[in-house]
Amino acid sequence: MKKLILLIAALALAACASLNASANQSELSLNQQKWQDANISHYRYNLAISCFCVFTQDMPLIIEVKNGEVVSMEYSTGNAIDPGSLEYFQRFSTVDRIFEQLEKDSNGEADEVVAAYDATYGFPNDVKIDYVKEATDDEIWFTVSDFEVLP
């Protein structure tokens, strides 16, 4: 009897996790469509990344994108971006790349992805990614702020 109760509890928990993942994926898809429908080709935003990384003291980055390509990326402090960090930042250097990264992470590259989205344009503006739930210091948080559409 105890085994049956444990089995039912395990199945219920698995179903809840599956429903939560489906809801997150649906929310991601809806907001990605909102972003695509906005058809914004030139924009600028601040990207603040928090993690157990050496570059966080220089955050946020100021990123300008035109026609899907990064026009400029710089620390708000004016410090030079280390080439190794620049490679890491490429994952978040455009809104489309942020969506691609969230989709990968939501589809199994991370144990947990929690995201909030901009109400007007749909881009992710507050994200927490935990790659290994049982591990320490592998999480990343980032925020997109001061978004502006440019002519």
N, C-alpha and C. Protein backbone atom coordinates (compact mmCIF):
# COMPACT_ATOMS: atom_id res chain seq x y z
N MET A 1 0.81 -1.20 0.00
CA MET A 1 0.00 0.00 0.00
C MET A 1 0.86 1.26 0.00
N LYS A 2 1.94 1.23 0.82
CA LYS A 2 2.82 2.39 0.87
C LYS A 2 3.48 2.64 -0.49
N LYS A 3 3.85 1.55 -1.17
CA LYS A 3 4.47 1.68 -2.48
C LYS A 3 3.49 2.32 -3.48
N LEU A 4 2.23 1.94 -3.39
CA LEU A 4 1.22 2.49 -4.28
C LEU A 4 1.05 3.99 -4.02
N ILE A 5 1.02 4.39 -2.79
CA ILE A 5 0.88 5.81 -2.43
C ILE A 5 2.09 6.60 -2.94
N LEU A 6 3.29 6.05 -2.74
CA LEU A 6 4.50 6.72 -3.23
C LEU A 6 4.50 6.83 -4.75
N LEU A 7 4.04 5.79 -5.43
CA LEU A 7 3.96 5.81 -6.89
C LEU A 7 2.99 6.89 -7.36
N ILE A 8 1.84 6.97 -6.74
CA ILE A 8 0.84 7.98 -7.10
C ILE A 8 1.38 9.39 -6.84
N ALA A 9 2.04 9.58 -5.72
CA ALA A 9 2.63 10.88 -5.40
C ALA A 9 3.70 11.26 -6.42
N ALA A 10 4.55 10.31 -6.80
CA ALA A 10 5.60 10.58 -7.78
C ALA A 10 5.00 10.95 -9.14
N LEU A 11 3.96 10.23 -9.55
CA LEU A 11 3.30 10.54 -10.82
C LEU A 11 2.65 11.92 -10.79
N ALA A 12 2.04 12.26 -9.67
CA ALA A 12 1.41 13.58 -9.53
C ALA A 12 2.45 14.69 -9.63
N LEU A 13 3.57 14.50 -8.97
CA LEU A 13 4.64 15.51 -9.04
C LEU A 13 5.21 15.63 -10.45
N ALA A 14 5.37 14.54 -11.12
CA ALA A 14 5.87 14.56 -12.50
C ALA A 14 4.88 15.28 -13.41
N ALA A 15 3.60 15.05 -13.21
CA ALA A 15 2.58 15.71 -14.01
C ALA A 15 2.59 17.21 -13.77
N CYS A 16 2.75 17.62 -12.53
CA CYS A 16 2.83 19.06 -12.21
C CYS A 16 4.04 19.69 -12.86
N ALA A 17 5.17 19.03 -12.83
CA ALA A 17 6.39 19.56 -13.45
C ALA A 17 6.19 19.69 -14.96
N SER A 18 5.55 18.70 -15.56
CA SER A 18 5.30 18.73 -16.99
C SER A 18 4.35 19.86 -17.36
N LEU A 19 3.30 20.06 -16.58
CA LEU A 19 2.36 21.15 -16.82
C LEU A 19 3.06 22.50 -16.68
N ASN A 20 3.92 22.64 -15.68
CA ASN A 20 4.64 23.90 -15.47
C ASN A 20 5.57 24.17 -16.65
N ALA A 21 6.28 23.16 -17.14
CA ALA A 21 7.17 23.32 -18.28
C ALA A 21 6.36 23.72 -19.52
N SER A 22 5.20 23.10 -19.72
CA SER A 22 4.35 23.43 -20.86
C SER A 22 3.85 24.87 -20.77
N ALA A 23 3.46 25.30 -19.59
CA ALA A 23 3.00 26.67 -19.40
C ALA A 23 4.11 27.66 -19.69
N ASN A 24 5.34 27.36 -19.20
CA ASN A 24 6.47 28.25 -19.46
C ASN A 24 6.77 28.32 -20.95
N GLN A 25 6.72 27.18 -21.65
CA GLN A 25 6.99 27.15 -23.09
C GLN A 25 5.92 27.92 -23.84
N SER A 26 4.67 27.79 -23.44
CA SER A 26 3.58 28.52 -24.08
C SER A 26 3.74 30.02 -23.88
N GLU A 27 4.09 30.42 -22.67
CA GLU A 27 4.31 31.85 -22.38
C GLU A 27 5.48 32.38 -23.21
N LEU A 28 6.53 31.60 -23.33
CA LEU A 28 7.68 31.97 -24.14
C LEU A 28 7.26 32.17 -25.59
N SER A 29 6.51 31.22 -26.14
CA SER A 29 6.07 31.30 -27.53
C SER A 29 5.15 32.50 -27.78
N LEU A 30 4.23 32.74 -26.87
CA LEU A 30 3.32 33.88 -27.02
C LEU A 30 4.09 35.21 -27.03
N ASN A 31 5.05 35.33 -26.13
CA ASN A 31 5.81 36.57 -26.07
C ASN A 31 6.78 36.72 -27.23
N GLN A 32 7.32 35.61 -27.70
CA GLN A 32 8.18 35.66 -28.88
C GLN A 32 7.38 36.13 -30.09
N GLN A 33 6.14 35.67 -30.20
CA GLN A 33 5.28 36.11 -31.30
C GLN A 33 4.96 37.61 -31.16
N LYS A 34 4.72 38.05 -29.93
CA LYS A 34 4.46 39.48 -29.69
C LYS A 34 5.67 40.30 -30.15
N TRP A 35 6.87 39.83 -29.82
CA TRP A 35 8.10 40.53 -30.23
C TRP A 35 8.20 40.56 -31.76
N GLN A 36 7.95 39.44 -32.41
CA GLN A 36 8.03 39.39 -33.88
C GLN A 36 6.99 40.29 -34.52
N ASP A 37 5.79 40.32 -33.95
CA ASP A 37 4.72 41.16 -34.49
C ASP A 37 5.04 42.65 -34.36
N ALA A 38 5.82 43.01 -33.35
CA ALA A 38 6.21 44.43 -33.17
C ALA A 38 7.13 44.89 -34.29
N ASN A 39 7.84 43.95 -34.94
CA ASN A 39 8.68 44.25 -36.10
C ASN A 39 9.65 45.42 -35.86
N ILE A 40 10.36 45.36 -34.76
CA ILE A 40 11.31 46.41 -34.39
C ILE A 40 12.68 46.03 -34.96
N SER A 41 13.22 46.89 -35.80
CA SER A 41 14.50 46.57 -36.45
C SER A 41 15.69 47.32 -35.84
N HIS A 42 15.44 48.36 -35.07
CA HIS A 42 16.53 49.15 -34.49
C HIS A 42 16.16 49.51 -33.05
N TYR A 43 16.99 49.07 -32.12
CA TYR A 43 16.68 49.29 -30.71
C TYR A 43 17.94 49.29 -29.87
N ARG A 44 17.79 49.77 -28.64
CA ARG A 44 18.87 49.79 -27.66
C ARG A 44 18.30 49.36 -26.32
N TYR A 45 19.13 48.67 -25.53
CA TYR A 45 18.70 48.26 -24.20
C TYR A 45 19.90 48.08 -23.30
N ASN A 46 19.64 48.07 -22.01
CA ASN A 46 20.65 47.74 -21.01
C ASN A 46 20.45 46.28 -20.62
N LEU A 47 21.55 45.57 -20.51
CA LEU A 47 21.52 44.17 -20.11
C LEU A 47 22.39 44.03 -18.87
N ALA A 48 21.78 43.67 -17.76
CA ALA A 48 22.52 43.43 -16.52
C ALA A 48 22.51 41.94 -16.24
N ILE A 49 23.69 41.34 -16.20
CA ILE A 49 23.83 39.92 -15.93
C ILE A 49 24.40 39.75 -14.53
N SER A 50 23.74 38.92 -13.75
CA SER A 50 24.23 38.59 -12.41
C SER A 50 24.52 37.10 -12.37
N CYS A 51 25.71 36.77 -11.95
CA CYS A 51 26.11 35.38 -11.81
C CYS A 51 27.37 35.38 -10.96
N PHE A 52 27.93 34.23 -10.78
CA PHE A 52 29.19 34.14 -10.06
C PHE A 52 30.31 34.25 -11.09
N CYS A 53 30.44 35.46 -11.66
CA CYS A 53 31.35 35.74 -12.77
C CYS A 53 32.19 36.98 -12.44
N VAL A 54 33.32 37.12 -13.12
CA VAL A 54 34.23 38.23 -12.82
C VAL A 54 33.76 39.56 -13.38
N PHE A 55 32.90 39.56 -14.38
CA PHE A 55 32.56 40.80 -15.07
C PHE A 55 31.38 41.56 -14.47
N THR A 56 30.72 41.04 -13.46
CA THR A 56 29.47 41.64 -12.99
C THR A 56 29.63 43.04 -12.41
N GLN A 57 30.83 43.42 -11.98
CA GLN A 57 31.02 44.74 -11.41
C GLN A 57 30.87 45.84 -12.47
N ASP A 58 30.99 45.50 -13.74
CA ASP A 58 30.89 46.49 -14.82
C ASP A 58 29.50 46.58 -15.44
N MET A 59 28.57 45.78 -14.98
CA MET A 59 27.22 45.75 -15.55
C MET A 59 26.49 47.05 -15.26
N PRO A 60 25.56 47.48 -16.06
CA PRO A 60 25.01 46.77 -17.21
C PRO A 60 25.79 47.04 -18.49
N LEU A 61 25.50 46.21 -19.48
CA LEU A 61 25.96 46.45 -20.84
C LEU A 61 24.92 47.34 -21.52
N ILE A 62 25.38 48.17 -22.42
CA ILE A 62 24.48 48.95 -23.27
C ILE A 62 24.64 48.37 -24.67
N ILE A 63 23.55 47.86 -25.21
CA ILE A 63 23.60 47.15 -26.49
C ILE A 63 22.67 47.83 -27.48
N GLU A 64 23.20 48.10 -28.67
CA GLU A 64 22.39 48.64 -29.76
C GLU A 64 22.35 47.62 -30.88
N VAL A 65 21.14 47.38 -31.41
CA VAL A 65 20.93 46.36 -32.45
C VAL A 65 20.19 47.01 -33.61
N LYS A 66 20.66 46.71 -34.82
CA LYS A 66 19.97 47.19 -36.02
C LYS A 66 19.91 46.04 -37.02
N ASN A 67 18.70 45.76 -37.50
CA ASN A 67 18.47 44.68 -38.47
C ASN A 67 19.06 43.35 -38.00
N GLY A 68 18.89 43.07 -36.71
CA GLY A 68 19.32 41.79 -36.15
C GLY A 68 20.80 41.68 -35.84
N GLU A 69 21.58 42.71 -36.10
CA GLU A 69 23.02 42.69 -35.86
C GLU A 69 23.39 43.69 -34.77
N VAL A 70 24.37 43.33 -33.96
CA VAL A 70 24.83 44.22 -32.90
C VAL A 70 25.62 45.36 -33.52
N VAL A 71 25.16 46.58 -33.28
CA VAL A 71 25.85 47.78 -33.76
C VAL A 71 26.92 48.17 -32.76
N SER A 72 26.57 48.10 -31.48
CA SER A 72 27.54 48.41 -30.43
C SER A 72 27.16 47.67 -29.15
N MET A 73 28.21 47.37 -28.38
CA MET A 73 28.04 46.75 -27.08
C MET A 73 29.16 47.29 -26.20
N GLU A 74 28.77 47.88 -25.08
CA GLU A 74 29.79 48.43 -24.17
C GLU A 74 29.28 48.39 -22.75
N TYR A 75 30.23 48.32 -21.82
CA TYR A 75 29.85 48.43 -20.42
C TYR A 75 29.43 49.87 -20.14
N SER A 76 28.48 50.04 -19.26
CA SER A 76 28.06 51.39 -18.89
C SER A 76 29.17 52.12 -18.15
N THR A 77 30.13 51.38 -17.58
CA THR A 77 31.26 51.99 -16.87
C THR A 77 32.31 52.53 -17.82
N GLY A 78 32.25 52.13 -19.08
CA GLY A 78 33.26 52.55 -20.04
C GLY A 78 34.45 51.62 -20.12
N ASN A 79 34.53 50.63 -19.23
CA ASN A 79 35.63 49.67 -19.26
C ASN A 79 35.54 48.81 -20.52
N ALA A 80 36.69 48.37 -21.00
CA ALA A 80 36.74 47.51 -22.18
C ALA A 80 36.18 46.13 -21.85
N ILE A 81 35.52 45.51 -22.83
CA ILE A 81 34.98 44.17 -22.65
C ILE A 81 36.06 43.16 -23.03
N ASP A 82 36.36 42.26 -22.12
CA ASP A 82 37.32 41.19 -22.36
C ASP A 82 36.78 40.28 -23.47
N PRO A 83 37.62 39.86 -24.42
CA PRO A 83 37.13 39.01 -25.52
C PRO A 83 36.44 37.73 -25.04
N GLY A 84 36.91 37.13 -23.95
CA GLY A 84 36.25 35.93 -23.42
C GLY A 84 34.85 36.23 -22.93
N SER A 85 34.68 37.37 -22.30
CA SER A 85 33.34 37.78 -21.84
C SER A 85 32.45 38.13 -23.02
N LEU A 86 33.04 38.76 -24.02
CA LEU A 86 32.27 39.14 -25.20
C LEU A 86 31.64 37.91 -25.85
N GLU A 87 32.39 36.83 -25.92
CA GLU A 87 31.86 35.58 -26.47
C GLU A 87 30.66 35.10 -25.64
N TYR A 88 30.77 35.20 -24.32
CA TYR A 88 29.68 34.80 -23.42
C TYR A 88 28.46 35.69 -23.63
N PHE A 89 28.68 37.01 -23.80
CA PHE A 89 27.59 37.96 -23.95
C PHE A 89 26.82 37.79 -25.25
N GLN A 90 27.43 37.18 -26.26
CA GLN A 90 26.77 37.02 -27.55
C GLN A 90 25.43 36.31 -27.43
N ARG A 91 25.28 35.43 -26.45
CA ARG A 91 24.01 34.70 -26.27
C ARG A 91 22.85 35.63 -25.97
N PHE A 92 23.16 36.83 -25.43
CA PHE A 92 22.13 37.76 -24.99
C PHE A 92 22.23 39.11 -25.72
N SER A 93 22.92 39.12 -26.87
CA SER A 93 23.25 40.40 -27.52
C SER A 93 22.15 40.96 -28.41
N THR A 94 21.11 40.19 -28.66
CA THR A 94 19.92 40.70 -29.35
C THR A 94 18.71 40.04 -28.69
N VAL A 95 17.56 40.63 -28.87
CA VAL A 95 16.35 40.04 -28.30
C VAL A 95 16.09 38.66 -28.91
N ASP A 96 16.33 38.52 -30.20
CA ASP A 96 16.13 37.22 -30.84
C ASP A 96 17.06 36.17 -30.23
N ARG A 97 18.31 36.52 -29.94
CA ARG A 97 19.24 35.57 -29.33
C ARG A 97 18.83 35.23 -27.90
N ILE A 98 18.26 36.19 -27.20
CA ILE A 98 17.76 35.91 -25.85
C ILE A 98 16.64 34.87 -25.93
N PHE A 99 15.72 35.05 -26.87
CA PHE A 99 14.66 34.07 -27.05
C PHE A 99 15.23 32.69 -27.41
N GLU A 100 16.22 32.65 -28.30
CA GLU A 100 16.85 31.37 -28.67
C GLU A 100 17.45 30.69 -27.45
N GLN A 101 18.15 31.46 -26.61
CA GLN A 101 18.78 30.90 -25.41
C GLN A 101 17.72 30.37 -24.44
N LEU A 102 16.66 31.15 -24.25
CA LEU A 102 15.59 30.69 -23.34
C LEU A 102 14.92 29.43 -23.86
N GLU A 103 14.76 29.34 -25.17
CA GLU A 103 14.15 28.14 -25.74
C GLU A 103 15.04 26.93 -25.50
N LYS A 104 16.35 27.06 -25.74
CA LYS A 104 17.28 25.96 -25.48
C LYS A 104 17.23 25.55 -24.00
N ASP A 105 17.31 26.56 -23.13
CA ASP A 105 17.32 26.27 -21.70
C ASP A 105 16.01 25.65 -21.24
N SER A 106 14.90 26.11 -21.79
CA SER A 106 13.59 25.57 -21.41
C SER A 106 13.38 24.15 -21.93
N ASN A 107 14.11 23.80 -22.99
CA ASN A 107 13.97 22.47 -23.59
C ASN A 107 15.02 21.49 -23.10
N GLY A 108 15.53 21.72 -21.88
CA GLY A 108 16.37 20.70 -21.28
C GLY A 108 17.80 21.09 -20.97
N GLU A 109 18.29 22.22 -21.47
CA GLU A 109 19.66 22.61 -21.14
C GLU A 109 19.77 23.14 -19.72
N ALA A 110 18.65 23.49 -19.12
CA ALA A 110 18.64 23.97 -17.73
C ALA A 110 17.54 23.25 -16.97
N ASP A 111 17.74 23.12 -15.67
CA ASP A 111 16.72 22.50 -14.84
C ASP A 111 15.54 23.42 -14.59
N GLU A 112 15.80 24.74 -14.54
CA GLU A 112 14.72 25.69 -14.26
C GLU A 112 14.96 27.00 -14.99
N VAL A 113 13.91 27.50 -15.62
CA VAL A 113 13.94 28.81 -16.28
C VAL A 113 12.68 29.56 -15.84
N VAL A 114 12.89 30.72 -15.26
CA VAL A 114 11.78 31.56 -14.85
C VAL A 114 11.97 32.91 -15.55
N ALA A 115 10.94 33.34 -16.27
CA ALA A 115 11.07 34.58 -17.03
C ALA A 115 9.81 35.43 -16.90
N ALA A 116 10.05 36.74 -16.88
CA ALA A 116 8.97 37.73 -16.98
C ALA A 116 9.20 38.48 -18.30
N TYR A 117 8.12 38.97 -18.87
CA TYR A 117 8.19 39.56 -20.20
C TYR A 117 7.64 40.98 -20.21
N ASP A 118 8.17 41.79 -21.12
CA ASP A 118 7.69 43.15 -21.30
C ASP A 118 6.26 43.12 -21.83
N ALA A 119 5.39 43.90 -21.18
CA ALA A 119 3.97 43.87 -21.53
C ALA A 119 3.70 44.44 -22.93
N THR A 120 4.51 45.38 -23.39
CA THR A 120 4.29 46.02 -24.68
C THR A 120 4.86 45.22 -25.84
N TYR A 121 6.13 44.84 -25.74
CA TYR A 121 6.83 44.22 -26.87
C TYR A 121 7.09 42.72 -26.71
N GLY A 122 6.94 42.18 -25.51
CA GLY A 122 7.08 40.75 -25.30
C GLY A 122 8.48 40.24 -25.03
N PHE A 123 9.51 41.09 -25.09
CA PHE A 123 10.86 40.57 -24.86
C PHE A 123 11.04 40.18 -23.39
N PRO A 124 11.90 39.19 -23.12
CA PRO A 124 12.16 38.79 -21.74
C PRO A 124 12.88 39.94 -21.02
N ASN A 125 12.36 40.35 -19.87
CA ASN A 125 13.00 41.47 -19.18
C ASN A 125 13.51 41.12 -17.78
N ASP A 126 13.19 39.94 -17.30
CA ASP A 126 13.68 39.51 -15.99
C ASP A 126 13.74 37.98 -16.01
N VAL A 127 14.95 37.44 -16.00
CA VAL A 127 15.12 36.01 -16.23
C VAL A 127 16.04 35.40 -15.18
N LYS A 128 15.68 34.21 -14.71
CA LYS A 128 16.54 33.41 -13.83
C LYS A 128 16.66 32.04 -14.47
N ILE A 129 17.92 31.59 -14.62
CA ILE A 129 18.19 30.27 -15.19
C ILE A 129 19.03 29.50 -14.18
N ASP A 130 18.55 28.33 -13.82
CA ASP A 130 19.30 27.45 -12.91
C ASP A 130 19.62 26.19 -13.71
N TYR A 131 20.89 26.06 -14.07
CA TYR A 131 21.28 24.96 -14.95
C TYR A 131 21.24 23.60 -14.26
N VAL A 132 21.67 23.53 -13.01
CA VAL A 132 21.63 22.28 -12.25
C VAL A 132 21.04 22.61 -10.89
N LYS A 133 19.82 22.18 -10.66
CA LYS A 133 19.09 22.54 -9.44
C LYS A 133 19.85 22.21 -8.16
N GLU A 134 20.56 21.09 -8.15
CA GLU A 134 21.27 20.68 -6.94
C GLU A 134 22.65 21.32 -6.81
N ALA A 135 23.11 22.02 -7.83
CA ALA A 135 24.45 22.63 -7.81
C ALA A 135 24.38 24.05 -7.24
N THR A 136 25.52 24.50 -6.77
CA THR A 136 25.64 25.86 -6.25
C THR A 136 26.47 26.68 -7.23
N ASP A 137 26.12 27.95 -7.37
CA ASP A 137 26.88 28.92 -8.16
C ASP A 137 26.80 28.68 -9.67
N ASP A 138 25.79 27.99 -10.16
CA ASP A 138 25.64 27.81 -11.61
C ASP A 138 24.49 28.65 -12.17
N GLU A 139 23.81 29.38 -11.31
CA GLU A 139 22.65 30.16 -11.73
C GLU A 139 23.09 31.44 -12.45
N ILE A 140 22.20 31.93 -13.29
CA ILE A 140 22.40 33.22 -13.94
C ILE A 140 21.08 33.97 -13.89
N TRP A 141 21.16 35.25 -13.63
CA TRP A 141 20.01 36.14 -13.65
C TRP A 141 20.34 37.27 -14.60
N PHE A 142 19.37 37.70 -15.37
CA PHE A 142 19.63 38.90 -16.16
C PHE A 142 18.35 39.70 -16.33
N THR A 143 18.55 40.99 -16.49
CA THR A 143 17.45 41.91 -16.70
C THR A 143 17.72 42.75 -17.94
N VAL A 144 16.67 43.02 -18.67
CA VAL A 144 16.72 43.93 -19.79
C VAL A 144 15.94 45.16 -19.34
N SER A 145 16.61 46.31 -19.41
CA SER A 145 15.96 47.55 -18.98
C SER A 145 16.27 48.67 -19.95
N ASP A 146 15.62 49.79 -19.75
CA ASP A 146 15.83 50.99 -20.57
C ASP A 146 15.74 50.70 -22.07
N PHE A 147 14.81 49.82 -22.42
CA PHE A 147 14.61 49.48 -23.82
C PHE A 147 14.05 50.67 -24.57
N GLU A 148 14.63 50.96 -25.73
CA GLU A 148 14.07 52.03 -26.56
C GLU A 148 14.15 51.67 -28.03
N VAL A 149 13.09 51.97 -28.73
CA VAL A 149 13.05 51.79 -30.17
C VAL A 149 13.74 53.00 -30.78
N LEU A 150 14.64 52.73 -31.73
CA LEU A 150 15.40 53.80 -32.38
C LEU A 150 14.90 53.97 -33.82
N PRO A 151 15.06 55.17 -34.36
CA PRO A 151 14.60 55.40 -35.75
C PRO A 151 15.43 54.63 -36.77
